[in-house]
Amino acid sequence: MRRVMSAATLAAAMLVTAAGTGAADDHLPDPSYSYPGGVLAEVTGPGQSPPGANDRSCRPTAEHPNPVVLLHGLSNDTMSWNTLSPVLTRAGYCVFTTTYGSEGPGPLGATAPVQDSAAQVGRFVDQVLAATGAKHVDLVSHSIGGAVAYYYLSRLGGAAKIGRYIALAAPMHGSTVSGLAAAQPLVESTGSGATATRRCGPCQLSPGAPFLRDFHPNPAATPRIPFTMIVTRYDEIATPYTTGLLDGPNVHNVVLQDLCPTDFTDHNELPSDPVAVHEVLNALDPTHATPSTCTVVLPFLGPVSTPHR
């Protein structure tokens, strides 16, 4: 398994030396629309950029003027964006990803405190803007990545650099993790447990955590930025699933099962879910939004039949 680089180091290397396929490249592999496809990509090529992402030659177009920055959850960019990245690239977007918030060796990011991860994301966004000449980026995040993105937006000056905010299964009001979060106080009652949770980003979103008491996402405070919140009723990690919904005049909440009752996608499959992917495309370009096509989607495994986009 790879040693995850810091966001700043990875971004610098990516933007200077990456050999991407380009937003207009027609030779990208077909999106897998399944979480196992991303896992396989990490196993066969640890640390590789998702297809179509991190092309240093990509320049935003008048149709899509904002680069899209994809922020994973408790995972990494290889596993999380193996589907969405090539879909967006084929649609003409400049796509950038990084693995941020690593607290040590291994493939997982987003383990660091939210504040630290948000600062790394901020530096990465600055590098994307400098490389592309754009004024804003559109942020698309999954899971805790949504909290990291919002902390950057609201506390670290990111609002001035963000065009659109899109989050999938983001625990904006904390998460019970299907009841597992109730064990956190017991873990913290031991000396080693308290030390471990002190640097644990996901632990900050457990009910009653000090960070969560001060977080309070308020999209109305940044009325210029449209928010799109996409959730699944079958989420087993960001629970209850309504934690991923927000209130505000500039918020569009999407419950996938309201669009497609046969979509049984779970938390990890969500970034590869065909209905969710289509809703991300709609959120990025609402002027050309189209209805999503309903299909049967299984938890973890993805759609029963391959979507045609």
C-alpha atoms as a PDB file:
ATOM      1  CA  MET A   1       0.000   0.000   0.000  1.00  0.00           C
ATOM      2  CA  ARG A   2       1.166   3.495  -0.642  1.00  0.00           C
ATOM      3  CA  ARG A   3       2.371   6.114   1.734  1.00  0.00           C
ATOM      4  CA  VAL A   4      -0.121   8.944   1.302  1.00  0.00           C
ATOM      5  CA  MET A   5       1.589  12.237   0.492  1.00  0.00           C
ATOM      6  CA  SER A   6       0.525  15.496   2.064  1.00  0.00           C
ATOM      7  CA  ALA A   7      -1.997  17.430   0.004  1.00  0.00           C
ATOM      8  CA  ALA A   8       0.475  20.243  -0.625  1.00  0.00           C
ATOM      9  CA  THR A   9       3.233  17.915  -1.812  1.00  0.00           C
ATOM     10  CA  LEU A  10       0.930  15.818  -3.955  1.00  0.00           C
ATOM     11  CA  ALA A  11      -0.729  18.852  -5.490  1.00  0.00           C
ATOM     12  CA  ALA A  12       2.574  20.474  -6.376  1.00  0.00           C
ATOM     13  CA  ALA A  13       3.839  17.304  -8.014  1.00  0.00           C
ATOM     14  CA  MET A  14       0.530  16.762  -9.747  1.00  0.00           C
ATOM     15  CA  LEU A  15       0.207  20.218 -11.220  1.00  0.00           C
ATOM     16  CA  VAL A  16       3.808  20.322 -12.406  1.00  0.00           C
ATOM     17  CA  THR A  17       4.393  16.844 -13.752  1.00  0.00           C
ATOM     18  CA  ALA A  18       1.113  14.947 -14.115  1.00  0.00           C
ATOM     19  CA  ALA A  19       0.411  13.545 -17.531  1.00  0.00           C
ATOM     20  CA  GLY A  20      -3.385  13.650 -17.748  1.00  0.00           C
ATOM     21  CA  THR A  21      -5.707  12.699 -20.538  1.00  0.00           C
ATOM     22  CA  GLY A  22      -7.340  16.104 -20.912  1.00  0.00           C
ATOM     23  CA  ALA A  23     -10.963  17.193 -20.733  1.00  0.00           C
ATOM     24  CA  ALA A  24     -11.508  16.527 -24.435  1.00  0.00           C
ATOM     25  CA  ASP A  25      -9.912  13.058 -24.434  1.00  0.00           C
ATOM     26  CA  ASP A  26     -12.216  10.394 -25.879  1.00  0.00           C
ATOM     27  CA  HIS A  27      -9.975   7.526 -24.813  1.00  0.00           C
ATOM     28  CA  LEU A  28     -10.919   7.349 -21.164  1.00  0.00           C
ATOM     29  CA  PRO A  29     -12.037   3.961 -19.843  1.00  0.00           C
ATOM     30  CA  ASP A  30     -15.755   3.484 -19.390  1.00  0.00           C
ATOM     31  CA  PRO A  31     -16.830   4.484 -15.863  1.00  0.00           C
ATOM     32  CA  SER A  32     -17.340   1.433 -13.676  1.00  0.00           C
ATOM     33  CA  TYR A  33     -20.302   2.816 -11.687  1.00  0.00           C
ATOM     34  CA  SER A  34     -19.286   0.609  -8.781  1.00  0.00           C
ATOM     35  CA  TYR A  35     -17.278   1.072  -5.617  1.00  0.00           C
ATOM     36  CA  PRO A  36     -15.348  -2.192  -6.235  1.00  0.00           C
ATOM     37  CA  GLY A  37     -14.061  -0.617  -9.449  1.00  0.00           C
ATOM     38  CA  GLY A  38     -12.341   2.075  -7.403  1.00  0.00           C
ATOM     39  CA  VAL A  39     -10.968  -0.477  -4.967  1.00  0.00           C
ATOM     40  CA  LEU A  40      -9.548  -2.468  -7.876  1.00  0.00           C
ATOM     41  CA  ALA A  41      -7.925   0.686  -9.249  1.00  0.00           C
ATOM     42  CA  GLU A  42      -6.185   1.243  -5.898  1.00  0.00           C
ATOM     43  CA  VAL A  43      -5.029  -2.374  -5.720  1.00  0.00           C
ATOM     44  CA  THR A  44      -3.646  -2.435  -9.253  1.00  0.00           C
ATOM     45  CA  GLY A  45      -2.170   1.074  -9.215  1.00  0.00           C
ATOM     46  CA  PRO A  46      -1.876   2.481  -5.694  1.00  0.00           C
ATOM     47  CA  GLY A  47      -1.976   6.240  -5.617  1.00  0.00           C
ATOM     48  CA  GLN A  48      -2.894   6.722  -9.273  1.00  0.00           C
ATOM     49  CA  SER A  49      -5.108   9.657 -10.183  1.00  0.00           C
ATOM     50  CA  PRO A  50      -8.655   8.736 -11.183  1.00  0.00           C
ATOM     51  CA  PRO A  51      -9.179   8.570 -14.960  1.00  0.00           C
ATOM     52  CA  GLY A  52      -9.225  12.045 -16.475  1.00  0.00           C
ATOM     53  CA  ALA A  53      -8.163  13.870 -13.314  1.00  0.00           C
ATOM     54  CA  ASN A  54      -5.171  16.114 -12.704  1.00  0.00           C
ATOM     55  CA  ASP A  55      -4.394  17.055 -16.281  1.00  0.00           C
ATOM     56  CA  ARG A  56      -2.048  20.031 -15.969  1.00  0.00           C
ATOM     57  CA  SER A  57      -2.843  21.125 -19.522  1.00  0.00           C
ATOM     58  CA  CYS A  58      -6.589  21.368 -18.975  1.00  0.00           C
ATOM     59  CA  ARG A  59      -8.040  24.855 -19.249  1.00  0.00           C
ATOM     60  CA  PRO A  60     -11.632  25.659 -18.295  1.00  0.00           C
ATOM     61  CA  THR A  61     -13.990  26.547 -21.122  1.00  0.00           C
ATOM     62  CA  ALA A  62     -16.637  29.239 -21.353  1.00  0.00           C
ATOM     63  CA  GLU A  63     -19.235  26.487 -20.942  1.00  0.00           C
ATOM     64  CA  HIS A  64     -17.557  25.089 -17.822  1.00  0.00           C
ATOM     65  CA  PRO A  65     -15.435  27.929 -16.409  1.00  0.00           C
ATOM     66  CA  ASN A  66     -14.825  26.398 -12.973  1.00  0.00           C
ATOM     67  CA  PRO A  67     -12.446  23.470 -12.409  1.00  0.00           C
ATOM     68  CA  VAL A  68     -14.059  20.739 -10.327  1.00  0.00           C
ATOM     69  CA  VAL A  69     -12.223  19.644  -7.186  1.00  0.00           C
ATOM     70  CA  LEU A  70     -13.281  16.242  -5.841  1.00  0.00           C
ATOM     71  CA  LEU A  71     -12.823  15.620  -2.094  1.00  0.00           C
ATOM     72  CA  HIS A  72     -13.037  12.051  -0.839  1.00  0.00           C
ATOM     73  CA  GLY A  73     -14.296  10.815   2.535  1.00  0.00           C
ATOM     74  CA  LEU A  74     -12.526   8.263   4.738  1.00  0.00           C
ATOM     75  CA  SER A  75     -10.861   6.803   1.673  1.00  0.00           C
ATOM     76  CA  ASN A  76      -8.638   8.302  -1.024  1.00  0.00           C
ATOM     77  CA  ASP A  77      -9.068   9.879  -4.419  1.00  0.00           C
ATOM     78  CA  THR A  78      -8.216   6.696  -6.322  1.00  0.00           C
ATOM     79  CA  MET A  79     -11.003   4.666  -4.751  1.00  0.00           C
ATOM     80  CA  SER A  80     -13.597   7.411  -4.414  1.00  0.00           C
ATOM     81  CA  TRP A  81     -13.580   9.044  -7.841  1.00  0.00           C
ATOM     82  CA  ASN A  82     -12.938   6.216 -10.284  1.00  0.00           C
ATOM     83  CA  THR A  83     -16.427   6.761 -11.719  1.00  0.00           C
ATOM     84  CA  LEU A  84     -17.222  10.447 -11.360  1.00  0.00           C
ATOM     85  CA  SER A  85     -13.870  11.756 -12.577  1.00  0.00           C
ATOM     86  CA  PRO A  86     -14.067  10.251 -16.102  1.00  0.00           C
ATOM     87  CA  VAL A  87     -17.761  11.178 -16.351  1.00  0.00           C
ATOM     88  CA  LEU A  88     -16.956  14.828 -15.608  1.00  0.00           C
ATOM     89  CA  THR A  89     -13.913  14.840 -17.857  1.00  0.00           C
ATOM     90  CA  ARG A  90     -15.944  13.485 -20.757  1.00  0.00           C
ATOM     91  CA  ALA A  91     -18.505  16.225 -20.084  1.00  0.00           C
ATOM     92  CA  GLY A  92     -15.774  18.827 -20.623  1.00  0.00           C
ATOM     93  CA  TYR A  93     -14.759  19.727 -17.066  1.00  0.00           C
ATOM     94  CA  CYS A  94     -11.234  20.146 -15.743  1.00  0.00           C
ATOM     95  CA  VAL A  95     -11.115  17.728 -12.817  1.00  0.00           C
ATOM     96  CA  PHE A  96      -8.641  17.730  -9.943  1.00  0.00           C
ATOM     97  CA  THR A  97      -8.294  15.374  -6.999  1.00  0.00           C
ATOM     98  CA  THR A  98      -5.925  14.769  -4.129  1.00  0.00           C
ATOM     99  CA  THR A  99      -5.687  12.545  -1.080  1.00  0.00           C
ATOM    100  CA  TYR A 100      -5.712  14.893   1.900  1.00  0.00           C
ATOM    101  CA  GLY A 101      -5.728  14.597   5.659  1.00  0.00           C
ATOM    102  CA  SER A 102      -3.531  11.540   6.162  1.00  0.00           C
ATOM    103  CA  GLU A 103      -2.214  10.930   9.653  1.00  0.00           C
ATOM    104  CA  GLY A 104       0.291   8.280   8.669  1.00  0.00           C
ATOM    105  CA  PRO A 105       1.267   5.619   6.121  1.00  0.00           C
ATOM    106  CA  GLY A 106      -1.485   3.736   4.349  1.00  0.00           C
ATOM    107  CA  PRO A 107      -4.083   4.413   1.679  1.00  0.00           C
ATOM    108  CA  LEU A 108      -6.618   6.366   3.746  1.00  0.00           C
ATOM    109  CA  GLY A 109      -7.008  10.113   3.914  1.00  0.00           C
ATOM    110  CA  ALA A 110      -9.450  12.309   5.871  1.00  0.00           C
ATOM    111  CA  THR A 111      -8.237  10.816   9.149  1.00  0.00           C
ATOM    112  CA  ALA A 112      -6.662  14.078  10.371  1.00  0.00           C
ATOM    113  CA  PRO A 113      -8.648  16.699  12.294  1.00  0.00           C
ATOM    114  CA  VAL A 114     -11.123  18.516  10.080  1.00  0.00           C
ATOM    115  CA  GLN A 115      -9.285  21.814  10.642  1.00  0.00           C
ATOM    116  CA  ASP A 116      -6.000  20.381   9.346  1.00  0.00           C
ATOM    117  CA  SER A 117      -7.656  18.705   6.375  1.00  0.00           C
ATOM    118  CA  ALA A 118      -9.472  21.930   5.467  1.00  0.00           C
ATOM    119  CA  ALA A 119      -6.201  23.865   5.497  1.00  0.00           C
ATOM    120  CA  GLN A 120      -4.638  21.302   3.139  1.00  0.00           C
ATOM    121  CA  VAL A 121      -7.656  21.516   0.853  1.00  0.00           C
ATOM    122  CA  GLY A 122      -7.315  25.306   0.828  1.00  0.00           C
ATOM    123  CA  ARG A 123      -3.722  25.076  -0.358  1.00  0.00           C
ATOM    124  CA  PHE A 124      -4.725  22.581  -3.011  1.00  0.00           C
ATOM    125  CA  VAL A 125      -7.530  24.838  -4.281  1.00  0.00           C
ATOM    126  CA  ASP A 126      -5.052  27.719  -4.554  1.00  0.00           C
ATOM    127  CA  GLN A 127      -2.779  25.555  -6.672  1.00  0.00           C
ATOM    128  CA  VAL A 128      -5.642  24.499  -8.944  1.00  0.00           C
ATOM    129  CA  LEU A 129      -6.667  28.119  -9.444  1.00  0.00           C
ATOM    130  CA  ALA A 130      -3.083  29.135 -10.196  1.00  0.00           C
ATOM    131  CA  ALA A 131      -2.635  26.269 -12.661  1.00  0.00           C
ATOM    132  CA  THR A 132      -5.887  26.831 -14.564  1.00  0.00           C
ATOM    133  CA  GLY A 133      -6.248  30.611 -14.329  1.00  0.00           C
ATOM    134  CA  ALA A 134      -9.796  30.198 -13.030  1.00  0.00           C
ATOM    135  CA  LYS A 135     -11.386  32.461 -10.416  1.00  0.00           C
ATOM    136  CA  HIS A 136     -13.444  29.791  -8.671  1.00  0.00           C
ATOM    137  CA  VAL A 137     -13.607  26.031  -8.251  1.00  0.00           C
ATOM    138  CA  ASP A 138     -16.676  23.874  -7.803  1.00  0.00           C
ATOM    139  CA  LEU A 139     -16.320  21.492  -4.862  1.00  0.00           C
ATOM    140  CA  VAL A 140     -17.805  17.988  -4.969  1.00  0.00           C
ATOM    141  CA  SER A 141     -17.300  16.012  -1.781  1.00  0.00           C
ATOM    142  CA  HIS A 142     -18.229  12.712  -0.195  1.00  0.00           C
ATOM    143  CA  SER A 143     -18.838  11.868   3.446  1.00  0.00           C
ATOM    144  CA  ILE A 144     -16.522  13.719   5.870  1.00  0.00           C
ATOM    145  CA  GLY A 145     -15.166  15.520   2.827  1.00  0.00           C
ATOM    146  CA  GLY A 146     -18.361  17.571   2.938  1.00  0.00           C
ATOM    147  CA  ALA A 147     -17.565  18.769   6.455  1.00  0.00           C
ATOM    148  CA  VAL A 148     -13.969  19.505   5.461  1.00  0.00           C
ATOM    149  CA  ALA A 149     -15.162  21.472   2.431  1.00  0.00           C
ATOM    150  CA  TYR A 150     -17.626  23.468   4.512  1.00  0.00           C
ATOM    151  CA  TYR A 151     -15.038  24.254   7.186  1.00  0.00           C
ATOM    152  CA  TYR A 152     -12.742  25.568   4.471  1.00  0.00           C
ATOM    153  CA  LEU A 153     -15.601  27.580   2.989  1.00  0.00           C
ATOM    154  CA  SER A 154     -16.842  29.095   6.244  1.00  0.00           C
ATOM    155  CA  ARG A 155     -13.760  29.390   8.460  1.00  0.00           C
ATOM    156  CA  LEU A 156     -10.707  29.611   6.206  1.00  0.00           C
ATOM    157  CA  GLY A 157     -11.769  32.134   3.580  1.00  0.00           C
ATOM    158  CA  GLY A 158     -12.752  29.566   0.990  1.00  0.00           C
ATOM    159  CA  ALA A 159     -16.126  31.135   0.176  1.00  0.00           C
ATOM    160  CA  ALA A 160     -14.501  33.693  -2.135  1.00  0.00           C
ATOM    161  CA  LYS A 161     -12.957  30.869  -4.207  1.00  0.00           C
ATOM    162  CA  ILE A 162     -15.925  28.499  -4.482  1.00  0.00           C
ATOM    163  CA  GLY A 163     -18.537  28.579  -7.226  1.00  0.00           C
ATOM    164  CA  ARG A 164     -20.719  25.621  -6.234  1.00  0.00           C
ATOM    165  CA  TYR A 165     -20.768  23.296  -3.236  1.00  0.00           C
ATOM    166  CA  ILE A 166     -22.008  19.737  -3.812  1.00  0.00           C
ATOM    167  CA  ALA A 167     -21.882  17.062  -1.126  1.00  0.00           C
ATOM    168  CA  LEU A 168     -22.797  13.384  -1.104  1.00  0.00           C
ATOM    169  CA  ALA A 169     -23.702  11.795   2.244  1.00  0.00           C
ATOM    170  CA  ALA A 170     -21.976  14.513   4.254  1.00  0.00           C
ATOM    171  CA  PRO A 171     -22.422  14.202   8.050  1.00  0.00           C
ATOM    172  CA  MET A 172     -23.099  17.915   8.439  1.00  0.00           C
ATOM    173  CA  HIS A 173     -24.982  17.409  11.708  1.00  0.00           C
ATOM    174  CA  GLY A 174     -22.761  14.590  12.941  1.00  0.00           C
ATOM    175  CA  SER A 175     -23.174  10.854  12.531  1.00  0.00           C
ATOM    176  CA  THR A 176     -24.139   7.990  14.793  1.00  0.00           C
ATOM    177  CA  VAL A 177     -22.489   5.526  12.337  1.00  0.00           C
ATOM    178  CA  SER A 178     -25.460   3.195  12.816  1.00  0.00           C
ATOM    179  CA  GLY A 179     -24.891   3.309  16.570  1.00  0.00           C
ATOM    180  CA  LEU A 180     -21.137   2.679  16.598  1.00  0.00           C
ATOM    181  CA  ALA A 181     -20.399   6.268  17.613  1.00  0.00           C
ATOM    182  CA  ALA A 182     -21.908   5.503  21.022  1.00  0.00           C
ATOM    183  CA  ALA A 183     -18.739   3.542  21.818  1.00  0.00           C
ATOM    184  CA  GLN A 184     -16.494   6.601  21.438  1.00  0.00           C
ATOM    185  CA  PRO A 185     -16.811   7.805  25.088  1.00  0.00           C
ATOM    186  CA  LEU A 186     -15.820   4.327  26.243  1.00  0.00           C
ATOM    187  CA  VAL A 187     -12.773   4.373  23.983  1.00  0.00           C
ATOM    188  CA  GLU A 188     -11.818   7.828  25.218  1.00  0.00           C
ATOM    189  CA  SER A 189     -12.020   6.693  28.844  1.00  0.00           C
ATOM    190  CA  THR A 190      -8.700   4.899  28.360  1.00  0.00           C
ATOM    191  CA  GLY A 191      -5.452   6.810  28.069  1.00  0.00           C
ATOM    192  CA  SER A 192      -4.498   5.409  24.697  1.00  0.00           C
ATOM    193  CA  GLY A 193      -8.045   5.829  23.397  1.00  0.00           C
ATOM    194  CA  ALA A 194      -8.129   9.497  24.330  1.00  0.00           C
ATOM    195  CA  THR A 195      -4.834  10.063  22.545  1.00  0.00           C
ATOM    196  CA  ALA A 196      -6.070   8.301  19.414  1.00  0.00           C
ATOM    197  CA  THR A 197      -9.354  10.211  19.164  1.00  0.00           C
ATOM    198  CA  ARG A 198      -7.654  13.572  19.728  1.00  0.00           C
ATOM    199  CA  ARG A 199      -6.231  13.428  16.173  1.00  0.00           C
ATOM    200  CA  CYS A 200      -9.215  11.628  14.635  1.00  0.00           C
ATOM    201  CA  GLY A 201     -11.183  13.702  12.146  1.00  0.00           C
ATOM    202  CA  PRO A 202     -14.201  11.368  11.927  1.00  0.00           C
ATOM    203  CA  CYS A 203     -14.381  11.313  15.737  1.00  0.00           C
ATOM    204  CA  GLN A 204     -15.033  15.059  15.652  1.00  0.00           C
ATOM    205  CA  LEU A 205     -18.397  14.364  14.052  1.00  0.00           C
ATOM    206  CA  SER A 206     -19.680  12.004  16.732  1.00  0.00           C
ATOM    207  CA  PRO A 207     -22.747  13.262  18.631  1.00  0.00           C
ATOM    208  CA  GLY A 208     -21.697  15.525  21.490  1.00  0.00           C
ATOM    209  CA  ALA A 209     -18.161  16.109  20.207  1.00  0.00           C
ATOM    210  CA  PRO A 210     -16.851  19.648  20.949  1.00  0.00           C
ATOM    211  CA  PHE A 211     -16.110  20.313  17.283  1.00  0.00           C
ATOM    212  CA  LEU A 212     -19.648  19.441  16.277  1.00  0.00           C
ATOM    213  CA  ARG A 213     -21.156  21.769  18.870  1.00  0.00           C
ATOM    214  CA  ASP A 214     -19.355  24.673  17.188  1.00  0.00           C
ATOM    215  CA  PHE A 215     -19.720  23.590  13.551  1.00  0.00           C
ATOM    216  CA  HIS A 216     -23.296  24.709  12.700  1.00  0.00           C
ATOM    217  CA  PRO A 217     -23.345  24.810   8.866  1.00  0.00           C
ATOM    218  CA  ASN A 218     -25.386  27.752   7.588  1.00  0.00           C
ATOM    219  CA  PRO A 219     -25.536  27.996   3.782  1.00  0.00           C
ATOM    220  CA  ALA A 220     -27.573  31.202   3.981  1.00  0.00           C
ATOM    221  CA  ALA A 221     -24.449  32.957   5.272  1.00  0.00           C
ATOM    222  CA  THR A 222     -22.970  32.565   1.769  1.00  0.00           C
ATOM    223  CA  PRO A 223     -25.988  33.242  -0.480  1.00  0.00           C
ATOM    224  CA  ARG A 224     -23.869  33.494  -3.644  1.00  0.00           C
ATOM    225  CA  ILE A 225     -22.943  29.800  -3.438  1.00  0.00           C
ATOM    226  CA  PRO A 226     -25.534  27.198  -4.479  1.00  0.00           C
ATOM    227  CA  PHE A 227     -25.501  24.100  -2.244  1.00  0.00           C
ATOM    228  CA  THR A 228     -26.595  20.663  -3.466  1.00  0.00           C
ATOM    229  CA  MET A 229     -26.874  17.941  -0.811  1.00  0.00           C
ATOM    230  CA  ILE A 230     -27.310  14.368  -2.101  1.00  0.00           C
ATOM    231  CA  VAL A 231     -28.168  11.518   0.295  1.00  0.00           C
ATOM    232  CA  THR A 232     -29.396   7.927   0.276  1.00  0.00           C
ATOM    233  CA  ARG A 233     -31.882   6.478   2.745  1.00  0.00           C
ATOM    234  CA  TYR A 234     -29.753   3.320   2.856  1.00  0.00           C
ATOM    235  CA  ASP A 235     -26.669   5.058   4.235  1.00  0.00           C
ATOM    236  CA  GLU A 236     -25.087   3.063   7.039  1.00  0.00           C
ATOM    237  CA  ILE A 237     -22.214   5.453   7.821  1.00  0.00           C
ATOM    238  CA  ALA A 238     -23.630   8.998   7.714  1.00  0.00           C
ATOM    239  CA  THR A 239     -26.608   8.264   9.948  1.00  0.00           C
ATOM    240  CA  PRO A 240     -29.334   9.199  10.193  1.00  0.00           C
ATOM    241  CA  TYR A 241     -29.239   9.925   6.477  1.00  0.00           C
ATOM    242  CA  THR A 242     -30.879  13.306   7.103  1.00  0.00           C
ATOM    243  CA  THR A 243     -27.559  14.496   8.562  1.00  0.00           C
ATOM    244  CA  GLY A 244     -26.592  15.174   4.950  1.00  0.00           C
ATOM    245  CA  LEU A 245     -29.422  17.658   4.377  1.00  0.00           C
ATOM    246  CA  LEU A 246     -29.258  21.410   4.971  1.00  0.00           C
ATOM    247  CA  ASP A 247     -31.704  24.302   5.151  1.00  0.00           C
ATOM    248  CA  GLY A 248     -31.470  27.586   3.288  1.00  0.00           C
ATOM    249  CA  PRO A 249     -32.779  29.464   0.255  1.00  0.00           C
ATOM    250  CA  ASN A 250     -29.658  28.479  -1.686  1.00  0.00           C
ATOM    251  CA  VAL A 251     -29.887  24.754  -0.856  1.00  0.00           C
ATOM    252  CA  HIS A 252     -31.164  21.946  -3.082  1.00  0.00           C
ATOM    253  CA  ASN A 253     -31.610  18.691  -1.170  1.00  0.00           C
ATOM    254  CA  VAL A 254     -31.756  15.418  -3.105  1.00  0.00           C
ATOM    255  CA  VAL A 255     -32.882  12.116  -1.573  1.00  0.00           C
ATOM    256  CA  LEU A 256     -32.039   9.544  -4.232  1.00  0.00           C
ATOM    257  CA  GLN A 257     -34.979   7.294  -3.456  1.00  0.00           C
ATOM    258  CA  ASP A 258     -37.367  10.179  -4.156  1.00  0.00           C
ATOM    259  CA  LEU A 259     -36.027  10.085  -7.717  1.00  0.00           C
ATOM    260  CA  CYS A 260     -35.564   6.329  -8.004  1.00  0.00           C
ATOM    261  CA  PRO A 261     -37.212   3.945  -5.496  1.00  0.00           C
ATOM    262  CA  THR A 262     -35.161   1.000  -6.814  1.00  0.00           C
ATOM    263  CA  ASP A 263     -31.857   2.703  -6.002  1.00  0.00           C
ATOM    264  CA  PHE A 264     -30.556   0.889  -2.901  1.00  0.00           C
ATOM    265  CA  THR A 265     -27.102   2.433  -2.915  1.00  0.00           C
ATOM    266  CA  ASP A 266     -25.242   2.586   0.381  1.00  0.00           C
ATOM    267  CA  HIS A 267     -22.680   5.073   1.694  1.00  0.00           C
ATOM    268  CA  ASN A 268     -19.571   3.809  -0.093  1.00  0.00           C
ATOM    269  CA  GLU A 269     -21.282   3.182  -3.430  1.00  0.00           C
ATOM    270  CA  LEU A 270     -22.862   6.642  -3.507  1.00  0.00           C
ATOM    271  CA  PRO A 271     -20.077   8.469  -5.454  1.00  0.00           C
ATOM    272  CA  SER A 272     -20.397   5.770  -8.152  1.00  0.00           C
ATOM    273  CA  ASP A 273     -24.193   5.600  -8.168  1.00  0.00           C
ATOM    274  CA  PRO A 274     -25.573   6.487 -11.629  1.00  0.00           C
ATOM    275  CA  VAL A 275     -28.465   8.557 -10.275  1.00  0.00           C
ATOM    276  CA  ALA A 276     -26.170  10.445  -7.884  1.00  0.00           C
ATOM    277  CA  VAL A 277     -23.621  11.029 -10.655  1.00  0.00           C
ATOM    278  CA  HIS A 278     -26.362  12.426 -12.888  1.00  0.00           C
ATOM    279  CA  GLU A 279     -27.516  14.738 -10.093  1.00  0.00           C
ATOM    280  CA  VAL A 280     -23.953  16.000  -9.676  1.00  0.00           C
ATOM    281  CA  LEU A 281     -23.892  16.840 -13.387  1.00  0.00           C
ATOM    282  CA  ASN A 282     -27.219  18.649 -12.999  1.00  0.00           C
ATOM    283  CA  ALA A 283     -25.911  20.608 -10.006  1.00  0.00           C
ATOM    284  CA  LEU A 284     -22.771  21.666 -11.860  1.00  0.00           C
ATOM    285  CA  ASP A 285     -24.734  22.819 -14.899  1.00  0.00           C
ATOM    286  CA  PRO A 286     -28.338  23.483 -13.810  1.00  0.00           C
ATOM    287  CA  THR A 287     -29.138  25.347 -17.042  1.00  0.00           C
ATOM    288  CA  HIS A 288     -28.868  22.039 -18.898  1.00  0.00           C
ATOM    289  CA  ALA A 289     -30.246  19.761 -16.173  1.00  0.00           C
ATOM    290  CA  THR A 290     -32.187  16.707 -17.265  1.00  0.00           C
ATOM    291  CA  PRO A 291     -34.259  14.127 -15.362  1.00  0.00           C
ATOM    292  CA  SER A 292     -32.345  11.191 -13.965  1.00  0.00           C
ATOM    293  CA  THR A 293     -33.031   7.736 -15.364  1.00  0.00           C
ATOM    294  CA  CYS A 294     -34.141   5.291 -12.697  1.00  0.00           C
ATOM    295  CA  THR A 295     -32.491   1.887 -12.542  1.00  0.00           C
ATOM    296  CA  VAL A 296     -31.848  -0.875 -10.029  1.00  0.00           C
ATOM    297  CA  VAL A 297     -28.750  -0.117  -7.965  1.00  0.00           C
ATOM    298  CA  LEU A 298     -27.422  -2.580  -5.397  1.00  0.00           C
ATOM    299  CA  PRO A 299     -25.525  -1.608  -2.241  1.00  0.00           C
ATOM    300  CA  PHE A 300     -21.734  -1.680  -2.732  1.00  0.00           C
ATOM    301  CA  LEU A 301     -22.003  -3.461  -6.124  1.00  0.00           C
ATOM    302  CA  GLY A 302     -23.711  -0.743  -8.146  1.00  0.00           C
ATOM    303  CA  PRO A 303     -26.275  -0.869 -10.965  1.00  0.00           C
ATOM    304  CA  VAL A 304     -27.618  -4.160 -12.252  1.00  0.00           C
ATOM    305  CA  SER A 305     -27.182  -2.924 -15.831  1.00  0.00           C
ATOM    306  CA  THR A 306     -24.485  -0.552 -17.087  1.00  0.00           C
ATOM    307  CA  PRO A 307     -25.790   3.016 -17.481  1.00  0.00           C
ATOM    308  CA  HIS A 308     -25.491   4.700 -20.857  1.00  0.00           C
ATOM    309  CA  ARG A 309     -24.522   8.353 -20.670  1.00  0.00           C
END
